[in-house]
């Protein structure tokens, strides 16, 4: 679901630029002060890789610092020194990098913490623990769960970052986006069941989409396509989450995540026929080498005085989805391998 802005109040736009969270959405009890200590190599960090708003909300940080830094964290201090302006932040970071020595970078930020553990007596009627016992192996167990109330706060240019699937009238989190700006990566695990969004109990994917769209419209967002994004203004939705902890509940959740409702589509017959013809041609005539794109002699620069050839290695971080560690299972060994 993609979102297009409606007329938002100037106060909310000004609040983001000033770094002041709107009190009608974010209450003081949801704001915590967090200190992050980062081990930095010589010559880092590069202050140009940091971007903040006028109110010192992070909108970009180096990839190696996300996490622990999250989108729209409100920067307060660098190594214990208070910073209130972008230039002050850049000067402090530049001084640290200029020493060209290994060091620790300590950032103190304000962050939204909006997850609350719920008492089983306060969960909605579609929770598994409120369903009767059953010997049917295809029915979700009615024990072994914990429940959370999650308030998702959306900042400018943030994204929802979630895919869901339904099975037996229950909606599960199938995948999450853990890239920078995703607001669900700190709150949702794969296999979490979404029981309620705002005042609507959830039983299928369509109900989930409708409830999210309704929540966006209340806060100045309207549905357009198939993903969610926000370019300015604040809004929120409240979810009630059911998370498997017991062994039987975890096993059932694993089965649901592996279950596929539809097989991969088959290739059309004309494509299969063309492949067979091409394969028969190769078997009869052999596979000829493709025509090279080399056009002529190229000077060897490896020994040139004005050029230096070195071997470079580019480090890339691979992001992965958040799994609940308690539902992970060990893989059984089917074959014995001789690794000597």
Protein backbone atom coordinates (compact mmCIF):
# COMPACT_ATOMS: atom_id res chain seq x y z
CA UNK A 1 0.00 0.00 0.00
CA UNK A 2 1.53 3.29 -1.02
CA UNK A 3 0.43 6.51 0.58
CA UNK A 4 -0.25 10.00 -0.67
CA UNK A 5 -0.38 12.97 1.65
CA UNK A 6 -3.48 14.89 2.44
CA UNK A 7 -3.54 18.30 4.08
CA UNK A 8 -1.48 17.93 7.25
CA UNK A 9 -1.28 20.61 9.90
CA UNK A 10 1.63 22.99 9.87
CA UNK A 11 2.21 22.13 13.52
CA UNK A 12 2.98 18.48 12.69
CA UNK A 13 5.34 19.43 9.85
CA UNK A 14 7.05 21.98 12.06
CA UNK A 15 7.28 19.42 14.87
CA UNK A 16 9.29 17.05 12.70
CA UNK A 17 11.70 19.75 11.56
CA UNK A 18 12.16 20.90 15.15
CA UNK A 19 12.57 17.39 16.51
CA UNK A 20 9.57 17.67 18.84
CA UNK A 21 7.32 14.64 18.78
CA UNK A 22 3.62 15.59 18.52
CA UNK A 23 2.10 14.92 21.92
CA UNK A 24 -1.24 13.79 20.46
CA UNK A 25 0.53 10.79 18.89
CA UNK A 26 3.67 10.16 20.93
CA UNK A 27 3.26 10.43 24.68
CA UNK A 28 6.16 11.03 27.04
CA UNK A 29 6.01 7.52 28.51
CA UNK A 30 6.86 6.10 25.05
CA UNK A 31 10.07 8.13 24.73
CA UNK A 32 13.22 6.60 26.22
CA UNK A 33 16.82 7.80 26.35
CA UNK A 34 19.19 5.23 24.83
CA UNK A 35 23.00 5.21 24.76
CA UNK A 36 24.76 3.37 21.89
CA UNK A 37 28.51 2.64 21.94
CA UNK A 38 30.08 1.88 18.55
CA UNK A 39 33.62 0.58 17.93
CA UNK A 40 35.13 2.68 15.10
CA UNK A 41 38.26 1.97 13.08
CA UNK A 42 40.87 4.69 12.30
CA UNK A 43 39.66 7.51 10.08
CA UNK A 44 35.97 6.88 10.75
CA UNK A 45 33.20 7.90 10.94
CA UNK A 46 32.76 10.16 7.93
CA UNK A 47 30.58 13.05 9.04
CA UNK A 48 29.22 13.37 5.47
CA UNK A 49 27.44 10.02 5.89
CA UNK A 50 25.22 11.45 8.65
CA UNK A 51 22.08 13.43 7.91
CA UNK A 52 19.76 15.01 10.47
CA UNK A 53 16.79 17.33 10.43
CA UNK A 54 16.87 20.81 11.93
CA UNK A 55 15.67 19.18 15.14
CA UNK A 56 18.52 16.62 15.14
CA UNK A 57 16.47 13.60 14.06
CA UNK A 58 18.60 11.06 12.17
CA UNK A 59 17.49 10.53 8.57
CA UNK A 60 20.71 8.82 7.44
CA UNK A 61 23.65 7.09 9.13
CA UNK A 62 26.45 4.80 7.86
CA UNK A 63 25.22 1.29 7.13
CA UNK A 64 27.52 -0.13 9.81
CA UNK A 65 25.66 1.90 12.46
CA UNK A 66 22.14 0.73 11.63
CA UNK A 67 21.50 -0.89 14.06
CA UNK A 68 22.07 0.30 16.78
CA UNK A 69 20.93 3.69 15.44
CA UNK A 70 17.34 3.72 14.21
CA UNK A 71 15.49 6.01 11.81
CA UNK A 72 14.46 9.32 13.41
CA UNK A 73 16.35 8.76 16.64
CA UNK A 74 16.72 12.16 18.28
CA UNK A 75 20.45 12.89 18.82
CA UNK A 76 21.27 14.40 22.22
CA UNK A 77 24.96 13.78 22.91
CA UNK A 78 28.18 12.61 21.25
CA UNK A 79 30.66 11.06 23.70
CA UNK A 80 28.85 12.79 26.54
CA UNK A 81 28.93 16.24 24.91
CA UNK A 82 25.56 17.82 24.18
CA UNK A 83 24.87 18.69 20.53
CA UNK A 84 21.93 20.81 19.42
CA UNK A 85 22.92 21.78 15.88
CA UNK A 86 23.94 19.93 12.75
CA UNK A 87 27.25 21.78 12.54
CA UNK A 88 28.13 20.81 16.11
CA UNK A 89 27.50 17.15 15.24
CA UNK A 90 29.71 17.38 12.14
CA UNK A 91 32.53 19.04 14.05
CA UNK A 92 32.55 16.37 16.77
CA UNK A 93 32.54 13.53 14.24
CA UNK A 94 35.28 15.20 12.19
CA UNK A 95 37.51 15.55 15.27
CA UNK A 96 37.13 11.86 16.08
CA UNK A 97 37.98 10.75 12.53
CA UNK A 98 40.90 13.19 12.28
CA UNK A 99 42.76 11.44 15.14
CA UNK A 100 43.14 8.46 12.77
CA UNK A 101 43.10 6.05 15.73
CA UNK A 102 40.67 3.30 16.80
CA UNK A 103 38.09 4.72 19.16
CA UNK A 104 34.63 4.29 20.61
CA UNK A 105 31.77 6.53 19.49
CA UNK A 106 29.04 6.93 22.09
CA UNK A 107 25.73 8.41 20.92
CA UNK A 108 22.92 9.31 23.28
CA UNK A 109 19.52 9.49 21.58
CA UNK A 110 15.82 9.69 22.34
CA UNK A 111 13.86 6.78 20.87
CA UNK A 112 10.27 5.64 20.62
CA UNK A 113 9.72 2.44 22.65
CA UNK A 114 6.11 1.41 22.11
CA UNK A 115 5.83 -2.29 22.97
CA UNK A 116 3.80 -3.37 26.00
CA UNK A 117 3.34 -6.92 27.32
CA UNK A 118 -0.35 -7.73 27.76
CA UNK A 119 -2.05 -9.79 30.42
CA UNK A 120 -3.82 -12.82 28.85
CA UNK A 121 -7.08 -11.51 30.34
CA UNK A 122 -6.82 -8.37 28.17
CA UNK A 123 -6.38 -10.05 24.76
CA UNK A 124 -9.10 -9.90 22.05
CA UNK A 125 -11.64 -12.67 21.49
CA UNK A 126 -9.77 -14.12 18.47
CA UNK A 127 -6.70 -14.99 20.56
CA UNK A 128 -5.74 -18.67 20.47
CA UNK A 129 -5.89 -19.06 24.25
CA UNK A 130 -9.61 -18.23 24.15
CA UNK A 131 -10.41 -21.04 21.71
CA UNK A 132 -11.65 -24.48 22.89
CA UNK A 133 -9.44 -27.56 23.01
CA UNK A 134 -9.23 -29.62 19.85
CA UNK A 135 -7.50 -32.84 18.78
CA UNK A 136 -7.36 -31.66 15.18
CA UNK A 137 -3.68 -31.40 14.19
CA UNK A 138 -4.56 -28.74 11.58
CA UNK A 139 -5.99 -26.40 14.21
CA UNK A 140 -3.76 -23.92 16.00
CA UNK A 141 -2.90 -24.91 19.60
CA UNK A 142 -4.62 -22.88 22.31
CA UNK A 143 -1.65 -22.56 24.68
CA UNK A 144 1.97 -21.45 24.62
CA UNK A 145 1.69 -17.78 23.59
CA UNK A 146 2.59 -14.31 24.85
CA UNK A 147 0.83 -11.13 23.79
CA UNK A 148 2.03 -7.61 23.05
CA UNK A 149 0.50 -4.25 22.28
CA UNK A 150 2.61 -2.58 19.57
CA UNK A 151 2.17 1.08 18.62
CA UNK A 152 3.78 1.71 15.24
CA UNK A 153 4.87 5.32 14.82
CA UNK A 154 5.50 6.47 11.24
CA UNK A 155 7.92 9.29 10.64
CA UNK A 156 8.45 11.22 7.41
CA UNK A 157 9.80 9.02 4.58
CA UNK A 158 9.56 5.90 6.70
CA UNK A 159 8.02 2.66 5.44
CA UNK A 160 5.87 -0.11 6.85
CA UNK A 161 8.12 -2.99 5.77
CA UNK A 162 5.87 -6.02 6.33
CA UNK A 163 4.26 -8.86 4.34
CA UNK A 164 1.49 -11.02 5.78
CA UNK A 165 -0.29 -14.27 4.93
CA UNK A 166 -3.48 -15.84 6.30
CA UNK A 167 -4.15 -19.44 7.33
CA UNK A 168 -7.29 -20.73 9.06
CA UNK A 169 -8.62 -17.24 9.86
CA UNK A 170 -5.32 -16.08 11.38
CA UNK A 171 -2.97 -13.50 9.81
CA UNK A 172 0.76 -14.16 10.23
CA UNK A 173 3.81 -11.96 9.62
CA UNK A 174 5.47 -13.67 6.67
CA UNK A 175 8.42 -11.32 6.09
CA UNK A 176 9.75 -7.98 7.27
CA UNK A 177 11.94 -5.30 5.72
CA UNK A 178 14.97 -4.64 7.91
CA UNK A 179 16.47 -1.84 5.84
CA UNK A 180 16.91 1.72 7.06
CA UNK A 181 13.58 3.47 7.64
CA UNK A 182 11.54 0.33 8.30
CA UNK A 183 9.41 0.91 11.39
CA UNK A 184 8.50 -2.74 12.02
CA UNK A 185 11.98 -4.25 12.28
CA UNK A 186 12.25 -3.58 16.02
CA UNK A 187 8.74 -4.75 16.84
CA UNK A 188 7.64 -7.73 14.73
CA UNK A 189 9.08 -11.23 14.30
CA UNK A 190 8.34 -13.72 11.56
CA UNK A 191 5.44 -15.89 12.66
CA UNK A 192 3.78 -13.24 14.84
CA UNK A 193 -0.01 -13.33 14.55
CA UNK A 194 -1.81 -10.00 14.11
CA UNK A 195 -4.98 -10.21 16.19
CA UNK A 196 -6.18 -6.62 16.17
CA UNK A 197 -5.42 -3.30 14.46
CA UNK A 198 -6.83 -0.30 16.30
CA UNK A 199 -10.45 -1.35 16.99
CA UNK A 200 -10.72 -4.04 14.30
CA UNK A 201 -10.16 -7.74 14.96
CA UNK A 202 -8.19 -9.36 12.12
CA UNK A 203 -9.10 -12.66 10.42
CA UNK A 204 -7.72 -12.35 6.87
CA UNK A 205 -5.35 -10.36 4.69
CA UNK A 206 -8.09 -8.16 3.25
CA UNK A 207 -9.22 -7.15 6.73
CA UNK A 208 -5.59 -6.31 7.55
CA UNK A 209 -5.27 -4.06 4.51
CA UNK A 210 -8.58 -2.34 5.25
CA UNK A 211 -7.66 -1.71 8.89
CA UNK A 212 -4.25 -0.28 7.97
CA UNK A 213 -5.79 1.90 5.27
CA UNK A 214 -8.42 3.16 7.71
CA UNK A 215 -5.74 3.99 10.26
CA UNK A 216 -3.75 5.91 7.65
CA UNK A 217 -6.79 7.90 6.53
CA UNK A 218 -7.40 9.04 10.10
CA UNK A 219 -3.91 10.51 10.12
CA UNK A 220 -3.77 12.05 6.66
CA UNK A 221 -2.81 9.03 4.52
CA UNK A 222 -4.73 7.54 1.59
CA UNK A 223 -4.26 4.18 -0.20
CA UNK A 224 -2.80 4.14 -3.71
CA UNK A 225 -0.85 1.02 -4.66
CA UNK A 226 0.73 -1.94 -2.79
CA UNK A 227 3.31 -0.55 -0.37
CA UNK A 228 3.35 2.02 2.41
CA UNK A 229 5.50 5.12 2.52
CA UNK A 230 5.27 8.50 4.19
CA UNK A 231 6.91 11.72 3.08
CA UNK A 232 5.86 14.10 5.82
CA UNK A 233 3.72 14.17 8.96
CA UNK A 234 3.19 11.61 11.74
CA UNK A 235 0.67 8.83 12.16
CA UNK A 236 0.23 5.61 14.07
CA UNK A 237 -1.60 2.31 14.23
CA UNK A 238 -1.92 0.01 17.24
CA UNK A 239 -1.54 -3.76 16.85
CA UNK A 240 -2.22 -6.61 19.25
CA UNK A 241 0.32 -9.36 18.55
CA UNK A 242 0.28 -13.06 19.48
CA UNK A 243 3.75 -14.63 19.64
CA UNK A 244 4.39 -18.37 19.92
CA UNK A 245 6.60 -19.55 22.81
CA UNK A 246 5.49 -23.10 23.63
CA UNK A 247 6.86 -26.07 21.68
CA UNK A 248 3.58 -27.08 20.03
CA UNK A 249 2.74 -23.46 19.18
CA UNK A 250 6.20 -22.93 17.63
CA UNK A 251 5.92 -26.14 15.58
CA UNK A 252 2.53 -25.08 14.23
CA UNK A 253 3.87 -21.61 13.34
CA UNK A 254 6.79 -23.19 11.48
CA UNK A 255 4.34 -25.25 9.45
CA UNK A 256 2.28 -22.21 8.55
CA UNK A 257 5.31 -20.24 7.35
CA UNK A 258 6.38 -23.17 5.15
CA UNK A 259 2.89 -23.72 3.76
CA UNK A 260 2.39 -22.45 0.19
CA UNK A 261 -1.13 -21.91 -1.11
CA UNK A 262 -0.13 -21.88 -4.78
CA UNK A 263 2.56 -23.64 -6.76
CA UNK A 264 4.96 -21.77 -9.00
CA UNK A 265 3.30 -21.12 -12.39
CA UNK A 266 4.34 -23.42 -15.22
CA UNK A 267 6.18 -22.18 -18.28
CA UNK A 268 3.93 -21.77 -21.35
CA UNK A 269 4.02 -24.51 -23.97
CA UNK A 270 5.54 -22.32 -26.69
CA UNK A 271 8.47 -21.49 -24.41
CA UNK A 272 9.00 -25.18 -23.60
CA UNK A 273 8.90 -26.04 -27.30
CA UNK A 274 11.49 -23.38 -28.12
CA UNK A 275 13.76 -24.68 -25.36
CA UNK A 276 13.54 -28.23 -26.72
CA UNK A 277 14.40 -27.04 -30.24
CA UNK A 278 17.39 -25.09 -28.98
CA UNK A 279 18.59 -28.04 -26.88
CA UNK A 280 18.32 -30.38 -29.89
CA UNK A 281 20.33 -27.89 -31.96
CA UNK A 282 23.11 -27.81 -29.35
CA UNK A 283 23.18 -31.60 -29.09
CA UNK A 284 23.51 -31.92 -32.88
CA UNK A 285 25.88 -29.05 -33.70
CA UNK A 286 27.58 -28.49 -30.39
CA UNK A 287 27.77 -25.30 -28.38
CA UNK A 288 29.75 -22.59 -30.14
CA UNK A 289 31.63 -19.98 -28.18
CA UNK A 290 29.96 -16.57 -28.22
CA UNK A 291 31.52 -13.84 -30.35
CA UNK A 292 33.93 -11.88 -28.13
CA UNK A 293 33.42 -8.17 -27.68
CA UNK A 294 37.20 -7.58 -27.74
CA UNK A 295 37.92 -5.07 -30.53
CA UNK A 296 41.68 -4.80 -30.49
CA UNK A 297 44.84 -4.41 -28.43
CA UNK A 298 44.48 -2.62 -25.13
CA UNK A 299 47.42 -1.12 -23.34
CA UNK A 300 48.51 -2.92 -20.16
CA UNK A 301 48.38 -0.36 -17.38
CA UNK A 302 49.70 -2.70 -14.68
CA UNK A 303 53.23 -1.31 -15.06
CA UNK A 304 52.32 2.27 -15.99
CA UNK A 305 53.89 4.95 -13.81
CA UNK A 306 50.75 7.05 -13.56
CA UNK A 307 48.40 4.23 -12.68
CA UNK A 308 48.36 1.84 -9.74
CA UNK A 309 46.55 -1.51 -9.88
CA UNK A 310 45.54 -2.92 -6.51
CA UNK A 311 43.25 -5.64 -5.29
CA UNK A 312 40.24 -4.12 -3.55
CA UNK A 313 37.63 -5.82 -1.41
CA UNK A 314 34.27 -4.15 -0.88
CA UNK A 315 32.53 -5.16 2.33
CA UNK A 316 28.75 -5.51 2.08
CA UNK A 317 26.44 -6.15 5.01
CA UNK A 318 23.68 -8.64 4.38
CA UNK A 319 20.40 -7.73 6.07
CA UNK A 320 18.14 -10.50 7.24
CA UNK A 321 14.67 -10.78 8.65
CA UNK A 322 14.15 -10.89 12.40
CA UNK A 323 13.39 -14.34 13.70
CA UNK A 324 12.15 -15.02 17.18
CA UNK A 325 15.11 -17.06 18.57
CA UNK A 326 12.80 -19.23 20.66
CA UNK A 327 11.01 -20.69 17.63
CA UNK A 328 14.18 -21.70 15.79
CA UNK A 329 14.76 -25.45 15.56
CA UNK A 330 17.92 -27.45 15.04
CA UNK A 331 18.30 -29.13 11.64
CA UNK A 332 18.45 -32.92 11.76
CA UNK A 333 21.51 -34.54 10.16
CA UNK A 334 20.43 -36.76 7.27
CA UNK A 335 23.89 -37.60 5.94
CA UNK A 336 27.31 -37.95 7.49
CA UNK A 337 30.07 -36.09 5.71
CA UNK A 338 33.77 -36.77 5.98
CA UNK A 339 35.33 -33.33 6.30
CA UNK A 340 38.90 -34.57 6.62
